[in-house]
Amino acid sequence: MKKILPVEEGDFYLSEEGYRVFTKEYHLKRGYCCESSCRHCPYGYNAKTNMQ
């Protein structure tokens, strides 16, 4: 079962376009890859091959 973590200060920053960008530390704290091609994904997900 996937954990739902509350978003805390330092877990993300806002891009120039106003989007929330999660940090590598947040992804590691969450503990799994969401397969959304996140900018700071520490799990190595590749959207082109749909694999980690």
PDB file of N, CA and C in Angstrom:
ATOM      1  N   MET A   1       0.841  -1.184   0.000  1.00  0.00           N
ATOM      2  CA  MET A   1       0.000   0.000   0.000  1.00  0.00           C
ATOM      3  C   MET A   1       0.885   1.246   0.000  1.00  0.00           C
ATOM      4  N   LYS A   2       0.540   2.221  -0.813  1.00  0.00           N
ATOM      5  CA  LYS A   2       1.325   3.441  -0.921  1.00  0.00           C
ATOM      6  C   LYS A   2       1.046   4.354   0.261  1.00  0.00           C
ATOM      7  N   LYS A   3       2.112   4.999   0.738  1.00  0.00           N
ATOM      8  CA  LYS A   3       1.987   5.933   1.848  1.00  0.00           C
ATOM      9  C   LYS A   3       1.513   7.289   1.344  1.00  0.00           C
ATOM     10  N   ILE A   4       0.701   7.935   2.123  1.00  0.00           N
ATOM     11  CA  ILE A   4       0.317   9.320   1.845  1.00  0.00           C
ATOM     12  C   ILE A   4       1.008  10.180   2.890  1.00  0.00           C
ATOM     13  N   LEU A   5       1.928  11.011   2.429  1.00  0.00           N
ATOM     14  CA  LEU A   5       2.687  11.876   3.331  1.00  0.00           C
ATOM     15  C   LEU A   5       2.210  13.313   3.211  1.00  0.00           C
ATOM     16  N   PRO A   6       2.118  13.994   4.322  1.00  0.00           N
ATOM     17  CA  PRO A   6       1.806  15.424   4.217  1.00  0.00           C
ATOM     18  C   PRO A   6       2.999  16.161   3.612  1.00  0.00           C
ATOM     19  N   VAL A   7       2.724  17.137   2.782  1.00  0.00           N
ATOM     20  CA  VAL A   7       3.782  17.922   2.159  1.00  0.00           C
ATOM     21  C   VAL A   7       4.245  18.960   3.164  1.00  0.00           C
ATOM     22  N   GLU A   8       5.548  18.951   3.416  1.00  0.00           N
ATOM     23  CA  GLU A   8       6.133  19.870   4.390  1.00  0.00           C
ATOM     24  C   GLU A   8       7.037  20.875   3.700  1.00  0.00           C
ATOM     25  N   GLU A   9       7.432  21.888   4.432  1.00  0.00           N
ATOM     26  CA  GLU A   9       8.346  22.897   3.907  1.00  0.00           C
ATOM     27  C   GLU A   9       9.645  22.221   3.472  1.00  0.00           C
ATOM     28  N   GLY A  10      10.126  22.564   2.280  1.00  0.00           N
ATOM     29  CA  GLY A  10      11.357  21.983   1.760  1.00  0.00           C
ATOM     30  C   GLY A  10      11.130  20.752   0.895  1.00  0.00           C
ATOM     31  N   ASP A  11       9.898  20.261   0.812  1.00  0.00           N
ATOM     32  CA  ASP A  11       9.594  19.092  -0.017  1.00  0.00           C
ATOM     33  C   ASP A  11       9.428  19.464  -1.488  1.00  0.00           C
ATOM     34  N   PHE A  12       9.214  20.722  -1.779  1.00  0.00           N
ATOM     35  CA  PHE A  12       9.019  21.163  -3.160  1.00  0.00           C
ATOM     36  C   PHE A  12       9.409  22.626  -3.289  1.00  0.00           C
ATOM     37  N   TYR A  13       9.519  23.053  -4.543  1.00  0.00           N
ATOM     38  CA  TYR A  13       9.678  24.471  -4.839  1.00  0.00           C
ATOM     39  C   TYR A  13       8.769  24.776  -6.022  1.00  0.00           C
ATOM     40  N   LEU A  14       8.508  26.039  -6.258  1.00  0.00           N
ATOM     41  CA  LEU A  14       7.659  26.439  -7.377  1.00  0.00           C
ATOM     42  C   LEU A  14       8.521  26.766  -8.585  1.00  0.00           C
ATOM     43  N   SER A  15       8.149  26.199  -9.732  1.00  0.00           N
ATOM     44  CA  SER A  15       8.871  26.489 -10.974  1.00  0.00           C
ATOM     45  C   SER A  15       8.501  27.898 -11.437  1.00  0.00           C
ATOM     46  N   GLU A  16       9.192  28.371 -12.465  1.00  0.00           N
ATOM     47  CA  GLU A  16       8.883  29.694 -13.018  1.00  0.00           C
ATOM     48  C   GLU A  16       7.456  29.763 -13.544  1.00  0.00           C
ATOM     49  N   GLU A  17       6.942  28.610 -13.974  1.00  0.00           N
ATOM     50  CA  GLU A  17       5.571  28.552 -14.491  1.00  0.00           C
ATOM     51  C   GLU A  17       4.534  28.433 -13.379  1.00  0.00           C
ATOM     52  N   GLY A  18       4.977  28.251 -12.129  1.00  0.00           N
ATOM     53  CA  GLY A  18       4.070  28.151 -10.999  1.00  0.00           C
ATOM     54  C   GLY A  18       3.704  26.732 -10.592  1.00  0.00           C
ATOM     55  N   TYR A  19       4.394  25.728 -11.178  1.00  0.00           N
ATOM     56  CA  TYR A  19       4.117  24.343 -10.820  1.00  0.00           C
ATOM     57  C   TYR A  19       4.911  23.927  -9.595  1.00  0.00           C
ATOM     58  N   ARG A  20       4.370  22.999  -8.829  1.00  0.00           N
ATOM     59  CA  ARG A  20       5.075  22.423  -7.688  1.00  0.00           C
ATOM     60  C   ARG A  20       6.065  21.385  -8.210  1.00  0.00           C
ATOM     61  N   VAL A  21       7.325  21.520  -7.842  1.00  0.00           N
ATOM     62  CA  VAL A  21       8.363  20.581  -8.264  1.00  0.00           C
ATOM     63  C   VAL A  21       8.901  19.912  -7.001  1.00  0.00           C
ATOM     64  N   PHE A  22       8.641  18.617  -6.864  1.00  0.00           N
ATOM     65  CA  PHE A  22       9.081  17.895  -5.676  1.00  0.00           C
ATOM     66  C   PHE A  22      10.573  17.621  -5.728  1.00  0.00           C
ATOM     67  N   THR A  23      11.212  17.684  -4.572  1.00  0.00           N
ATOM     68  CA  THR A  23      12.652  17.476  -4.477  1.00  0.00           C
ATOM     69  C   THR A  23      12.983  15.990  -4.423  1.00  0.00           C
ATOM     70  N   LYS A  24      14.244  15.681  -4.665  1.00  0.00           N
ATOM     71  CA  LYS A  24      14.731  14.298  -4.571  1.00  0.00           C
ATOM     72  C   LYS A  24      14.485  13.753  -3.166  1.00  0.00           C
ATOM     73  N   GLU A  25      14.698  14.589  -2.169  1.00  0.00           N
ATOM     74  CA  GLU A  25      14.507  14.178  -0.778  1.00  0.00           C
ATOM     75  C   GLU A  25      13.059  13.786  -0.504  1.00  0.00           C
ATOM     76  N   TYR A  26      12.117  14.527  -1.093  1.00  0.00           N
ATOM     77  CA  TYR A  26      10.706  14.173  -0.910  1.00  0.00           C
ATOM     78  C   TYR A  26      10.405  12.819  -1.527  1.00  0.00           C
ATOM     79  N   HIS A  27      10.908  12.595  -2.731  1.00  0.00           N
ATOM     80  CA  HIS A  27      10.668  11.306  -3.396  1.00  0.00           C
ATOM     81  C   HIS A  27      11.242  10.157  -2.576  1.00  0.00           C
ATOM     82  N   LEU A  28      12.423  10.330  -2.027  1.00  0.00           N
ATOM     83  CA  LEU A  28      13.032   9.281  -1.205  1.00  0.00           C
ATOM     84  C   LEU A  28      12.228   9.065   0.072  1.00  0.00           C
ATOM     85  N   LYS A  29      11.735  10.134   0.660  1.00  0.00           N
ATOM     86  CA  LYS A  29      10.918  10.027   1.876  1.00  0.00           C
ATOM     87  C   LYS A  29       9.620   9.287   1.570  1.00  0.00           C
ATOM     88  N   ARG A  30       9.054   9.549   0.386  1.00  0.00           N
ATOM     89  CA  ARG A  30       7.818   8.880  -0.015  1.00  0.00           C
ATOM     90  C   ARG A  30       8.057   7.387  -0.231  1.00  0.00           C
ATOM     91  N   GLY A  31       9.202   7.036  -0.819  1.00  0.00           N
ATOM     92  CA  GLY A  31       9.593   5.639  -0.892  1.00  0.00           C
ATOM     93  C   GLY A  31       9.226   4.863  -2.138  1.00  0.00           C
ATOM     94  N   TYR A  32       8.668   5.490  -3.154  1.00  0.00           N
ATOM     95  CA  TYR A  32       8.346   4.780  -4.384  1.00  0.00           C
ATOM     96  C   TYR A  32       8.296   5.760  -5.555  1.00  0.00           C
ATOM     97  N   CYS A  33       8.363   5.215  -6.758  1.00  0.00           N
ATOM     98  CA  CYS A  33       8.285   6.025  -7.972  1.00  0.00           C
ATOM     99  C   CYS A  33       6.839   6.089  -8.432  1.00  0.00           C
ATOM    100  N   CYS A  34       6.363   7.278  -8.756  1.00  0.00           N
ATOM    101  CA  CYS A  34       4.981   7.451  -9.217  1.00  0.00           C
ATOM    102  C   CYS A  34       4.867   7.337 -10.738  1.00  0.00           C
ATOM    103  N   GLU A  35       5.990   7.154 -11.418  1.00  0.00           N
ATOM    104  CA  GLU A  35       6.054   6.995 -12.876  1.00  0.00           C
ATOM    105  C   GLU A  35       5.445   8.172 -13.628  1.00  0.00           C
ATOM    106  N   SER A  36       5.716   9.386 -13.127  1.00  0.00           N
ATOM    107  CA  SER A  36       5.222  10.595 -13.775  1.00  0.00           C
ATOM    108  C   SER A  36       6.349  11.409 -14.404  1.00  0.00           C
ATOM    109  N   SER A  37       7.526  10.818 -14.523  1.00  0.00           N
ATOM    110  CA  SER A  37       8.700  11.488 -15.098  1.00  0.00           C
ATOM    111  C   SER A  37       9.058  12.762 -14.341  1.00  0.00           C
ATOM    112  N   CYS A  38       9.069  12.681 -13.021  1.00  0.00           N
ATOM    113  CA  CYS A  38       9.393  13.833 -12.174  1.00  0.00           C
ATOM    114  C   CYS A  38      10.810  14.321 -12.447  1.00  0.00           C
ATOM    115  N   ARG A  39      10.983  15.606 -12.364  1.00  0.00           N
ATOM    116  CA  ARG A  39      12.260  16.247 -12.659  1.00  0.00           C
ATOM    117  C   ARG A  39      13.394  15.734 -11.761  1.00  0.00           C
ATOM    118  N   HIS A  40      13.122  15.469 -10.496  1.00  0.00           N
ATOM    119  CA  HIS A  40      14.159  15.053  -9.555  1.00  0.00           C
ATOM    120  C   HIS A  40      13.973  13.609  -9.086  1.00  0.00           C
ATOM    121  N   CYS A  41      13.468  12.747  -9.953  1.00  0.00           N
ATOM    122  CA  CYS A  41      13.203  11.354  -9.586  1.00  0.00           C
ATOM    123  C   CYS A  41      14.509  10.615  -9.296  1.00  0.00           C
ATOM    124  N   PRO A  42      14.667  10.074  -8.072  1.00  0.00           N
ATOM    125  CA  PRO A  42      15.884   9.332  -7.734  1.00  0.00           C
ATOM    126  C   PRO A  42      15.799   7.860  -8.143  1.00  0.00           C
ATOM    127  N   TYR A  43      14.669   7.450  -8.717  1.00  0.00           N
ATOM    128  CA  TYR A  43      14.464   6.039  -9.039  1.00  0.00           C
ATOM    129  C   TYR A  43      14.801   5.695 -10.487  1.00  0.00           C
ATOM    130  N   GLY A  44      15.115   6.688 -11.292  1.00  0.00           N
ATOM    131  CA  GLY A  44      15.562   6.441 -12.657  1.00  0.00           C
ATOM    132  C   GLY A  44      14.463   6.055 -13.630  1.00  0.00           C
ATOM    133  N   TYR A  45      13.240   6.498 -13.391  1.00  0.00           N
ATOM    134  CA  TYR A  45      12.144   6.153 -14.299  1.00  0.00           C
ATOM    135  C   TYR A  45      12.359   6.779 -15.667  1.00  0.00           C
ATOM    136  N   ASN A  46      12.128   5.993 -16.715  1.00  0.00           N
ATOM    137  CA  ASN A  46      12.269   6.467 -18.081  1.00  0.00           C
ATOM    138  C   ASN A  46      10.907   6.333 -18.760  1.00  0.00           C
ATOM    139  N   ALA A  47      10.271   7.444 -19.096  1.00  0.00           N
ATOM    140  CA  ALA A  47       8.935   7.427 -19.687  1.00  0.00           C
ATOM    141  C   ALA A  47       8.934   6.789 -21.077  1.00  0.00           C
ATOM    142  N   LYS A  48      10.036   6.891 -21.810  1.00  0.00           N
ATOM    143  CA  LYS A  48      10.095   6.316 -23.155  1.00  0.00           C
ATOM    144  C   LYS A  48      10.043   4.793 -23.135  1.00  0.00           C
ATOM    145  N   THR A  49      10.689   4.193 -22.135  1.00  0.00           N
ATOM    146  CA  THR A  49      10.686   2.731 -22.044  1.00  0.00           C
ATOM    147  C   THR A  49       9.687   2.223 -21.018  1.00  0.00           C
ATOM    148  N   ASN A  50       9.093   3.157 -20.250  1.00  0.00           N
ATOM    149  CA  ASN A  50       8.158   2.822 -19.167  1.00  0.00           C
ATOM    150  C   ASN A  50       8.801   1.877 -18.150  1.00  0.00           C
ATOM    151  N   MET A  51      10.076   2.095 -17.891  1.00  0.00           N
ATOM    152  CA  MET A  51      10.819   1.253 -16.950  1.00  0.00           C
ATOM    153  C   MET A  51      11.700   2.109 -16.049  1.00  0.00           C
ATOM    154  N   GLN A  52      12.061   1.506 -14.926  1.00  0.00           N
ATOM    155  CA  GLN A  52      13.005   2.149 -14.001  1.00  0.00           C
ATOM    156  C   GLN A  52      14.378   1.618 -14.248  1.00  0.00           C
TER     157      GLN A  52
END
